[in-house]
Amino acid sequence: MNPMFPLKNVVGYALSLILTFAALGLGVAHVLPFGAVMVVLMILAVMQIAVQLYFFMHFMESDGPAYHVIGLALGVIFTIAVVAGSVWVMTFNAQVH
């Protein structure tokens, strides 16, 4: 194998395409109930994030302290808080009436 050939990037690109087309096919085919489709799409989205972080953002390659892991963990916590808060606010009106 040529050391100049970007095998890792090609594998990441192929995995990204596979995950994207799997999500698209699942959404278009209507083979599962709505709730199941949402769960599978979320799983595919998390897998896509992992592929992007590992293959393109070189998340695991670092010589110094792992500050980027702390930053990612904080980002995940803030994202969950924003999404959960948004869902709570949007459903609050339905609970009152």
PDB file of N, CA and C in Angstrom:
ATOM      1  N   MET A   1       0.848  -1.176   0.000  1.00  0.00           N
ATOM      2  CA  MET A   1       0.000   0.000   0.000  1.00  0.00           C
ATOM      3  C   MET A   1       0.892   1.237   0.000  1.00  0.00           C
ATOM      4  N   ASN A   2       0.557   2.170  -0.818  1.00  0.00           N
ATOM      5  CA  ASN A   2       1.289   3.425  -0.910  1.00  0.00           C
ATOM      6  C   ASN A   2       1.099   4.237   0.370  1.00  0.00           C
ATOM      7  N   PRO A   3       2.200   4.657   1.029  1.00  0.00           N
ATOM      8  CA  PRO A   3       2.016   5.419   2.268  1.00  0.00           C
ATOM      9  C   PRO A   3       1.367   6.774   2.046  1.00  0.00           C
ATOM     10  N   MET A   4       1.346   7.255   0.825  1.00  0.00           N
ATOM     11  CA  MET A   4       0.713   8.545   0.532  1.00  0.00           C
ATOM     12  C   MET A   4      -0.782   8.403   0.269  1.00  0.00           C
ATOM     13  N   PHE A   5      -1.270   7.154   0.107  1.00  0.00           N
ATOM     14  CA  PHE A   5      -2.692   6.951  -0.166  1.00  0.00           C
ATOM     15  C   PHE A   5      -3.491   7.159   1.125  1.00  0.00           C
ATOM     16  N   PRO A   6      -4.487   8.009   1.107  1.00  0.00           N
ATOM     17  CA  PRO A   6      -5.243   8.326   2.331  1.00  0.00           C
ATOM     18  C   PRO A   6      -6.317   7.279   2.615  1.00  0.00           C
ATOM     19  N   LEU A   7      -5.888   6.076   2.965  1.00  0.00           N
ATOM     20  CA  LEU A   7      -6.828   4.976   3.192  1.00  0.00           C
ATOM     21  C   LEU A   7      -7.842   5.308   4.295  1.00  0.00           C
ATOM     22  N   LYS A   8      -7.373   5.920   5.362  1.00  0.00           N
ATOM     23  CA  LYS A   8      -8.262   6.238   6.477  1.00  0.00           C
ATOM     24  C   LYS A   8      -9.374   7.202   6.037  1.00  0.00           C
ATOM     25  N   ASN A   9      -9.032   8.177   5.220  1.00  0.00           N
ATOM     26  CA  ASN A   9     -10.041   9.115   4.738  1.00  0.00           C
ATOM     27  C   ASN A   9     -11.025   8.450   3.793  1.00  0.00           C
ATOM     28  N   VAL A  10     -10.541   7.529   2.962  1.00  0.00           N
ATOM     29  CA  VAL A  10     -11.425   6.824   2.030  1.00  0.00           C
ATOM     30  C   VAL A  10     -12.404   5.940   2.801  1.00  0.00           C
ATOM     31  N   VAL A  11     -11.895   5.245   3.821  1.00  0.00           N
ATOM     32  CA  VAL A  11     -12.771   4.399   4.647  1.00  0.00           C
ATOM     33  C   VAL A  11     -13.807   5.256   5.362  1.00  0.00           C
ATOM     34  N   GLY A  12     -13.388   6.383   5.910  1.00  0.00           N
ATOM     35  CA  GLY A  12     -14.327   7.286   6.579  1.00  0.00           C
ATOM     36  C   GLY A  12     -15.376   7.837   5.632  1.00  0.00           C
ATOM     37  N   TYR A  13     -14.940   8.186   4.429  1.00  0.00           N
ATOM     38  CA  TYR A  13     -15.881   8.696   3.436  1.00  0.00           C
ATOM     39  C   TYR A  13     -16.896   7.617   3.039  1.00  0.00           C
ATOM     40  N   ALA A  14     -16.413   6.391   2.836  1.00  0.00           N
ATOM     41  CA  ALA A  14     -17.316   5.297   2.472  1.00  0.00           C
ATOM     42  C   ALA A  14     -18.312   5.012   3.604  1.00  0.00           C
ATOM     43  N   LEU A  15     -17.826   4.998   4.834  1.00  0.00           N
ATOM     44  CA  LEU A  15     -18.738   4.766   5.964  1.00  0.00           C
ATOM     45  C   LEU A  15     -19.769   5.887   6.075  1.00  0.00           C
ATOM     46  N   SER A  16     -19.335   7.116   5.846  1.00  0.00           N
ATOM     47  CA  SER A  16     -20.276   8.240   5.894  1.00  0.00           C
ATOM     48  C   SER A  16     -21.357   8.101   4.834  1.00  0.00           C
ATOM     49  N   LEU A  17     -20.945   7.710   3.630  1.00  0.00           N
ATOM     50  CA  LEU A  17     -21.932   7.524   2.566  1.00  0.00           C
ATOM     51  C   LEU A  17     -22.902   6.396   2.902  1.00  0.00           C
ATOM     52  N   ILE A  18     -22.380   5.296   3.414  1.00  0.00           N
ATOM     53  CA  ILE A  18     -23.238   4.163   3.768  1.00  0.00           C
ATOM     54  C   ILE A  18     -24.252   4.570   4.828  1.00  0.00           C
ATOM     55  N   LEU A  19     -23.793   5.268   5.854  1.00  0.00           N
ATOM     56  CA  LEU A  19     -24.706   5.689   6.925  1.00  0.00           C
ATOM     57  C   LEU A  19     -25.740   6.692   6.413  1.00  0.00           C
ATOM     58  N   THR A  20     -25.312   7.598   5.555  1.00  0.00           N
ATOM     59  CA  THR A  20     -26.238   8.590   5.008  1.00  0.00           C
ATOM     60  C   THR A  20     -27.307   7.931   4.147  1.00  0.00           C
ATOM     61  N   PHE A  21     -26.906   7.024   3.268  1.00  0.00           N
ATOM     62  CA  PHE A  21     -27.884   6.370   2.397  1.00  0.00           C
ATOM     63  C   PHE A  21     -28.763   5.388   3.173  1.00  0.00           C
ATOM     64  N   ALA A  22     -28.240   4.816   4.236  1.00  0.00           N
ATOM     65  CA  ALA A  22     -29.085   3.963   5.088  1.00  0.00           C
ATOM     66  C   ALA A  22     -30.186   4.788   5.732  1.00  0.00           C
ATOM     67  N   ALA A  23     -29.828   5.968   6.223  1.00  0.00           N
ATOM     68  CA  ALA A  23     -30.835   6.847   6.828  1.00  0.00           C
ATOM     69  C   ALA A  23     -31.842   7.319   5.787  1.00  0.00           C
ATOM     70  N   LEU A  24     -31.359   7.685   4.625  1.00  0.00           N
ATOM     71  CA  LEU A  24     -32.258   8.125   3.553  1.00  0.00           C
ATOM     72  C   LEU A  24     -33.201   7.000   3.133  1.00  0.00           C
ATOM     73  N   GLY A  25     -32.668   5.817   2.951  1.00  0.00           N
ATOM     74  CA  GLY A  25     -33.498   4.681   2.550  1.00  0.00           C
ATOM     75  C   GLY A  25     -34.524   4.325   3.596  1.00  0.00           C
ATOM     76  N   LEU A  26     -34.123   4.424   4.853  1.00  0.00           N
ATOM     77  CA  LEU A  26     -35.059   4.125   5.937  1.00  0.00           C
ATOM     78  C   LEU A  26     -36.192   5.143   5.960  1.00  0.00           C
ATOM     79  N   GLY A  27     -35.862   6.406   5.736  1.00  0.00           N
ATOM     80  CA  GLY A  27     -36.885   7.446   5.739  1.00  0.00           C
ATOM     81  C   GLY A  27     -37.815   7.373   4.548  1.00  0.00           C
ATOM     82  N   VAL A  28     -37.312   6.969   3.414  1.00  0.00           N
ATOM     83  CA  VAL A  28     -38.118   6.935   2.190  1.00  0.00           C
ATOM     84  C   VAL A  28     -38.953   5.660   2.096  1.00  0.00           C
ATOM     85  N   ALA A  29     -38.429   4.546   2.604  1.00  0.00           N
ATOM     86  CA  ALA A  29     -39.073   3.247   2.382  1.00  0.00           C
ATOM     87  C   ALA A  29     -40.336   3.038   3.219  1.00  0.00           C
ATOM     88  N   HIS A  30     -40.466   3.702   4.358  1.00  0.00           N
ATOM     89  CA  HIS A  30     -41.628   3.533   5.242  1.00  0.00           C
ATOM     90  C   HIS A  30     -41.858   2.065   5.606  1.00  0.00           C
ATOM     91  N   VAL A  31     -40.803   1.373   5.997  1.00  0.00           N
ATOM     92  CA  VAL A  31     -40.922  -0.037   6.351  1.00  0.00           C
ATOM     93  C   VAL A  31     -41.115  -0.251   7.850  1.00  0.00           C
ATOM     94  N   LEU A  32     -40.886   0.778   8.647  1.00  0.00           N
ATOM     95  CA  LEU A  32     -41.017   0.671  10.092  1.00  0.00           C
ATOM     96  C   LEU A  32     -42.012   1.713  10.597  1.00  0.00           C
ATOM     97  N   PRO A  33     -42.576   1.495  11.780  1.00  0.00           N
ATOM     98  CA  PRO A  33     -43.426   2.540  12.376  1.00  0.00           C
ATOM     99  C   PRO A  33     -42.597   3.798  12.673  1.00  0.00           C
ATOM    100  N   PHE A  34     -43.295   4.927  12.842  1.00  0.00           N
ATOM    101  CA  PHE A  34     -42.629   6.213  12.992  1.00  0.00           C
ATOM    102  C   PHE A  34     -41.653   6.221  14.171  1.00  0.00           C
ATOM    103  N   GLY A  35     -42.060   5.689  15.319  1.00  0.00           N
ATOM    104  CA  GLY A  35     -41.201   5.682  16.493  1.00  0.00           C
ATOM    105  C   GLY A  35     -39.931   4.883  16.283  1.00  0.00           C
ATOM    106  N   ALA A  36     -40.065   3.742  15.641  1.00  0.00           N
ATOM    107  CA  ALA A  36     -38.899   2.907  15.363  1.00  0.00           C
ATOM    108  C   ALA A  36     -37.953   3.594  14.377  1.00  0.00           C
ATOM    109  N   VAL A  37     -38.524   4.278  13.394  1.00  0.00           N
ATOM    110  CA  VAL A  37     -37.681   5.007  12.432  1.00  0.00           C
ATOM    111  C   VAL A  37     -36.882   6.083  13.148  1.00  0.00           C
ATOM    112  N   MET A  38     -37.522   6.801  14.071  1.00  0.00           N
ATOM    113  CA  MET A  38     -36.820   7.853  14.804  1.00  0.00           C
ATOM    114  C   MET A  38     -35.676   7.289  15.637  1.00  0.00           C
ATOM    115  N   VAL A  39     -35.905   6.169  16.273  1.00  0.00           N
ATOM    116  CA  VAL A  39     -34.849   5.548  17.087  1.00  0.00           C
ATOM    117  C   VAL A  39     -33.682   5.112  16.202  1.00  0.00           C
ATOM    118  N   VAL A  40     -33.979   4.460  15.098  1.00  0.00           N
ATOM    119  CA  VAL A  40     -32.914   4.005  14.200  1.00  0.00           C
ATOM    120  C   VAL A  40     -32.165   5.192  13.597  1.00  0.00           C
ATOM    121  N   LEU A  41     -32.900   6.262  13.252  1.00  0.00           N
ATOM    122  CA  LEU A  41     -32.233   7.452  12.713  1.00  0.00           C
ATOM    123  C   LEU A  41     -31.304   8.083  13.742  1.00  0.00           C
ATOM    124  N   MET A  42     -31.720   8.102  15.007  1.00  0.00           N
ATOM    125  CA  MET A  42     -30.845   8.642  16.051  1.00  0.00           C
ATOM    126  C   MET A  42     -29.591   7.788  16.208  1.00  0.00           C
ATOM    127  N   ILE A  43     -29.751   6.479  16.142  1.00  0.00           N
ATOM    128  CA  ILE A  43     -28.586   5.588  16.237  1.00  0.00           C
ATOM    129  C   ILE A  43     -27.647   5.813  15.050  1.00  0.00           C
ATOM    130  N   LEU A  44     -28.207   5.946  13.849  1.00  0.00           N
ATOM    131  CA  LEU A  44     -27.380   6.216  12.669  1.00  0.00           C
ATOM    132  C   LEU A  44     -26.687   7.571  12.784  1.00  0.00           C
ATOM    133  N   ALA A  45     -27.367   8.558  13.369  1.00  0.00           N
ATOM    134  CA  ALA A  45     -26.764   9.882  13.541  1.00  0.00           C
ATOM    135  C   ALA A  45     -25.593   9.827  14.519  1.00  0.00           C
ATOM    136  N   VAL A  46     -25.749   9.089  15.600  1.00  0.00           N
ATOM    137  CA  VAL A  46     -24.645   8.946  16.557  1.00  0.00           C
ATOM    138  C   VAL A  46     -23.468   8.218  15.914  1.00  0.00           C
ATOM    139  N   MET A  47     -23.758   7.204  15.111  1.00  0.00           N
ATOM    140  CA  MET A  47     -22.687   6.503  14.398  1.00  0.00           C
ATOM    141  C   MET A  47     -21.991   7.443  13.410  1.00  0.00           C
ATOM    142  N   GLN A  48     -22.764   8.290  12.761  1.00  0.00           N
ATOM    143  CA  GLN A  48     -22.180   9.263  11.826  1.00  0.00           C
ATOM    144  C   GLN A  48     -21.271  10.244  12.561  1.00  0.00           C
ATOM    145  N   ILE A  49     -21.682  10.693  13.733  1.00  0.00           N
ATOM    146  CA  ILE A  49     -20.837  11.586  14.530  1.00  0.00           C
ATOM    147  C   ILE A  49     -19.536  10.882  14.899  1.00  0.00           C
ATOM    148  N   ALA A  50     -19.632   9.635  15.313  1.00  0.00           N
ATOM    149  CA  ALA A  50     -18.424   8.886  15.684  1.00  0.00           C
ATOM    150  C   ALA A  50     -17.482   8.736  14.496  1.00  0.00           C
ATOM    151  N   VAL A  51     -18.031   8.446  13.324  1.00  0.00           N
ATOM    152  CA  VAL A  51     -17.199   8.321  12.123  1.00  0.00           C
ATOM    153  C   VAL A  51     -16.514   9.645  11.806  1.00  0.00           C
ATOM    154  N   GLN A  52     -17.253  10.727  11.876  1.00  0.00           N
ATOM    155  CA  GLN A  52     -16.675  12.043  11.577  1.00  0.00           C
ATOM    156  C   GLN A  52     -15.568  12.392  12.574  1.00  0.00           C
ATOM    157  N   LEU A  53     -15.821  12.138  13.851  1.00  0.00           N
ATOM    158  CA  LEU A  53     -14.817  12.467  14.864  1.00  0.00           C
ATOM    159  C   LEU A  53     -13.560  11.616  14.705  1.00  0.00           C
ATOM    160  N   TYR A  54     -13.707  10.350  14.428  1.00  0.00           N
ATOM    161  CA  TYR A  54     -12.556   9.459  14.359  1.00  0.00           C
ATOM    162  C   TYR A  54     -11.777   9.611  13.055  1.00  0.00           C
ATOM    163  N   PHE A  55     -12.476   9.582  11.925  1.00  0.00           N
ATOM    164  CA  PHE A  55     -11.782   9.532  10.645  1.00  0.00           C
ATOM    165  C   PHE A  55     -11.364  10.898  10.116  1.00  0.00           C
ATOM    166  N   PHE A  56     -12.112  11.946  10.400  1.00  0.00           N
ATOM    167  CA  PHE A  56     -11.812  13.244   9.787  1.00  0.00           C
ATOM    168  C   PHE A  56     -11.306  14.276  10.787  1.00  0.00           C
ATOM    169  N   MET A  57     -11.748  14.229  12.005  1.00  0.00           N
ATOM    170  CA  MET A  57     -11.311  15.221  12.982  1.00  0.00           C
ATOM    171  C   MET A  57     -10.181  14.690  13.863  1.00  0.00           C
ATOM    172  N   HIS A  58      -9.760  13.448  13.625  1.00  0.00           N
ATOM    173  CA  HIS A  58      -8.628  12.836  14.332  1.00  0.00           C
ATOM    174  C   HIS A  58      -8.779  13.018  15.838  1.00  0.00           C
ATOM    175  N   PHE A  59      -9.939  12.680  16.317  1.00  0.00           N
ATOM    176  CA  PHE A  59     -10.279  12.916  17.715  1.00  0.00           C
ATOM    177  C   PHE A  59      -9.394  12.137  18.676  1.00  0.00           C
ATOM    178  N   MET A  60      -8.945  10.972  18.287  1.00  0.00           N
ATOM    179  CA  MET A  60      -8.175  10.121  19.199  1.00  0.00           C
ATOM    180  C   MET A  60      -6.669  10.392  19.106  1.00  0.00           C
ATOM    181  N   GLU A  61      -6.250  11.234  18.178  1.00  0.00           N
ATOM    182  CA  GLU A  61      -4.834  11.506  17.994  1.00  0.00           C
ATOM    183  C   GLU A  61      -4.461  12.795  18.708  1.00  0.00           C
ATOM    184  N   SER A  62      -3.755  12.660  19.823  1.00  0.00           N
ATOM    185  CA  SER A  62      -3.328  13.835  20.566  1.00  0.00           C
ATOM    186  C   SER A  62      -2.103  13.462  21.392  1.00  0.00           C
ATOM    187  N   ASP A  63      -1.144  14.370  21.481  1.00  0.00           N
ATOM    188  CA  ASP A  63       0.045  14.122  22.279  1.00  0.00           C
ATOM    189  C   ASP A  63      -0.109  14.654  23.700  1.00  0.00           C
ATOM    190  N   GLY A  64      -0.848  15.710  23.866  1.00  0.00           N
ATOM    191  CA  GLY A  64      -0.981  16.342  25.169  1.00  0.00           C
ATOM    192  C   GLY A  64      -2.163  15.803  25.948  1.00  0.00           C
ATOM    193  N   PRO A  65      -2.527  16.554  26.970  1.00  0.00           N
ATOM    194  CA  PRO A  65      -3.700  16.152  27.755  1.00  0.00           C
ATOM    195  C   PRO A  65      -4.959  16.132  26.892  1.00  0.00           C
ATOM    196  N   ALA A  66      -5.888  15.340  27.300  1.00  0.00           N
ATOM    197  CA  ALA A  66      -7.100  15.129  26.501  1.00  0.00           C
ATOM    198  C   ALA A  66      -8.160  16.187  26.810  1.00  0.00           C
ATOM    199  N   TYR A  67      -7.799  17.453  26.599  1.00  0.00           N
ATOM    200  CA  TYR A  67      -8.764  18.533  26.825  1.00  0.00           C
ATOM    201  C   TYR A  67      -9.929  18.459  25.848  1.00  0.00           C
ATOM    202  N   HIS A  68      -9.663  17.952  24.650  1.00  0.00           N
ATOM    203  CA  HIS A  68     -10.717  17.875  23.651  1.00  0.00           C
ATOM    204  C   HIS A  68     -11.822  16.901  24.077  1.00  0.00           C
ATOM    205  N   VAL A  69     -11.473  15.900  24.872  1.00  0.00           N
ATOM    206  CA  VAL A  69     -12.498  14.965  25.369  1.00  0.00           C
ATOM    207  C   VAL A  69     -13.416  15.678  26.360  1.00  0.00           C
ATOM    208  N   ILE A  70     -12.827  16.514  27.199  1.00  0.00           N
ATOM    209  CA  ILE A  70     -13.642  17.291  28.141  1.00  0.00           C
ATOM    210  C   ILE A  70     -14.546  18.254  27.380  1.00  0.00           C
ATOM    211  N   GLY A  71     -14.005  18.891  26.358  1.00  0.00           N
ATOM    212  CA  GLY A  71     -14.813  19.796  25.539  1.00  0.00           C
ATOM    213  C   GLY A  71     -15.952  19.066  24.857  1.00  0.00           C
ATOM    214  N   LEU A  72     -15.681  17.882  24.338  1.00  0.00           N
ATOM    215  CA  LEU A  72     -16.744  17.103  23.697  1.00  0.00           C
ATOM    216  C   LEU A  72     -17.800  16.674  24.714  1.00  0.00           C
ATOM    217  N   ALA A  73     -17.366  16.264  25.898  1.00  0.00           N
ATOM    218  CA  ALA A  73     -18.330  15.858  26.931  1.00  0.00           C
ATOM    219  C   ALA A  73     -19.220  17.031  27.329  1.00  0.00           C
ATOM    220  N   LEU A  74     -18.626  18.218  27.487  1.00  0.00           N
ATOM    221  CA  LEU A  74     -19.436  19.397  27.800  1.00  0.00           C
ATOM    222  C   LEU A  74     -20.404  19.717  26.663  1.00  0.00           C
ATOM    223  N   GLY A  75     -19.941  19.571  25.433  1.00  0.00           N
ATOM    224  CA  GLY A  75     -20.822  19.796  24.288  1.00  0.00           C
ATOM    225  C   GLY A  75     -22.003  18.843  24.275  1.00  0.00           C
ATOM    226  N   VAL A  76     -21.747  17.590  24.603  1.00  0.00           N
ATOM    227  CA  VAL A  76     -22.830  16.599  24.655  1.00  0.00           C
ATOM    228  C   VAL A  76     -23.819  16.946  25.771  1.00  0.00           C
ATOM    229  N   ILE A  77     -23.279  17.351  26.929  1.00  0.00           N
ATOM    230  CA  ILE A  77     -24.163  17.709  28.058  1.00  0.00           C
ATOM    231  C   ILE A  77     -25.021  18.925  27.694  1.00  0.00           C
ATOM    232  N   PHE A  78     -24.420  19.938  27.102  1.00  0.00           N
ATOM    233  CA  PHE A  78     -25.181  21.133  26.717  1.00  0.00           C
ATOM    234  C   PHE A  78     -26.211  20.803  25.649  1.00  0.00           C
ATOM    235  N   THR A  79     -25.846  19.958  24.702  1.00  0.00           N
ATOM    236  CA  THR A  79     -26.795  19.582  23.651  1.00  0.00           C
ATOM    237  C   THR A  79     -27.998  18.846  24.244  1.00  0.00           C
ATOM    238  N   ILE A  80     -27.730  17.914  25.139  1.00  0.00           N
ATOM    239  CA  ILE A  80     -28.829  17.180  25.773  1.00  0.00           C
ATOM    240  C   ILE A  80     -29.712  18.144  26.566  1.00  0.00           C
ATOM    241  N   ALA A  81     -29.097  19.092  27.278  1.00  0.00           N
ATOM    242  CA  ALA A  81     -29.880  20.056  28.059  1.00  0.00           C
ATOM    243  C   ALA A  81     -30.754  20.921  27.150  1.00  0.00           C
ATOM    244  N   VAL A  82     -30.209  21.372  26.039  1.00  0.00           N
ATOM    245  CA  VAL A  82     -30.980  22.220  25.128  1.00  0.00           C
ATOM    246  C   VAL A  82     -32.125  21.431  24.492  1.00  0.00           C
ATOM    247  N   VAL A  83     -31.836  20.221  24.045  1.00  0.00           N
ATOM    248  CA  VAL A  83     -32.889  19.411  23.410  1.00  0.00           C
ATOM    249  C   VAL A  83     -33.966  19.038  24.423  1.00  0.00           C
ATOM    250  N   ALA A  84     -33.561  18.591  25.611  1.00  0.00           N
ATOM    251  CA  ALA A  84     -34.543  18.205  26.628  1.00  0.00           C
ATOM    252  C   ALA A  84     -35.360  19.418  27.072  1.00  0.00           C
ATOM    253  N   GLY A  85     -34.714  20.565  27.241  1.00  0.00           N
ATOM    254  CA  GLY A  85     -35.446  21.776  27.610  1.00  0.00           C
ATOM    255  C   GLY A  85     -36.413  22.212  26.535  1.00  0.00           C
ATOM    256  N   SER A  86     -36.012  22.104  25.278  1.00  0.00           N
ATOM    257  CA  SER A  86     -36.892  22.476  24.176  1.00  0.00           C
ATOM    258  C   SER A  86     -38.109  21.560  24.111  1.00  0.00           C
ATOM    259  N   VAL A  87     -37.885  20.269  24.273  1.00  0.00           N
ATOM    260  CA  VAL A  87     -39.012  19.326  24.252  1.00  0.00           C
ATOM    261  C   VAL A  87     -39.932  19.594  25.432  1.00  0.00           C
ATOM    262  N   TRP A  88     -39.360  19.881  26.582  1.00  0.00           N
ATOM    263  CA  TRP A  88     -40.174  20.169  27.773  1.00  0.00           C
ATOM    264  C   TRP A  88     -41.009  21.432  27.558  1.00  0.00           C
ATOM    265  N   VAL A  89     -40.427  22.474  27.007  1.00  0.00           N
ATOM    266  CA  VAL A  89     -41.165  23.714  26.768  1.00  0.00           C
ATOM    267  C   VAL A  89     -42.252  23.492  25.722  1.00  0.00           C
ATOM    268  N   MET A  90     -41.950  22.752  24.683  1.00  0.00           N
ATOM    269  CA  MET A  90     -42.946  22.542  23.626  1.00  0.00           C
ATOM    270  C   MET A  90     -44.107  21.684  24.109  1.00  0.00           C
ATOM    271  N   THR A  91     -43.879  20.773  25.028  1.00  0.00           N
ATOM    272  CA  THR A  91     -44.962  19.927  25.517  1.00  0.00           C
ATOM    273  C   THR A  91     -45.662  20.519  26.729  1.00  0.00           C
ATOM    274  N   PHE A  92     -45.131  21.594  27.306  1.00  0.00           N
ATOM    275  CA  PHE A  92     -45.727  22.179  28.505  1.00  0.00           C
ATOM    276  C   PHE A  92     -47.122  22.719  28.219  1.00  0.00           C
ATOM    277  N   ASN A  93     -47.314  23.359  27.075  1.00  0.00           N
ATOM    278  CA  ASN A  93     -48.623  23.920  26.729  1.00  0.00           C
ATOM    279  C   ASN A  93     -49.663  22.819  26.580  1.00  0.00           C
ATOM    280  N   ALA A  94     -49.268  21.667  26.067  1.00  0.00           N
ATOM    281  CA  ALA A  94     -50.213  20.563  25.901  1.00  0.00           C
ATOM    282  C   ALA A  94     -50.620  19.975  27.243  1.00  0.00           C
ATOM    283  N   GLN A  95     -49.762  20.065  28.257  1.00  0.00           N
ATOM    284  CA  GLN A  95     -50.083  19.522  29.569  1.00  0.00           C
ATOM    285  C   GLN A  95     -51.011  20.444  30.345  1.00  0.00           C
ATOM    286  N   VAL A  96     -50.936  21.747  30.095  1.00  0.00           N
ATOM    287  CA  VAL A  96     -51.748  22.730  30.827  1.00  0.00           C
ATOM    288  C   VAL A  96     -53.189  22.687  30.354  1.00  0.00           C
ATOM    289  N   HIS A  97     -53.417  22.573  29.048  1.00  0.00           N
ATOM    290  CA  HIS A  97     -54.771  22.622  28.489  1.00  0.00           C
ATOM    291  C   HIS A  97     -55.387  21.266  28.415  1.00  0.00           C
TER     292      HIS A  97
END
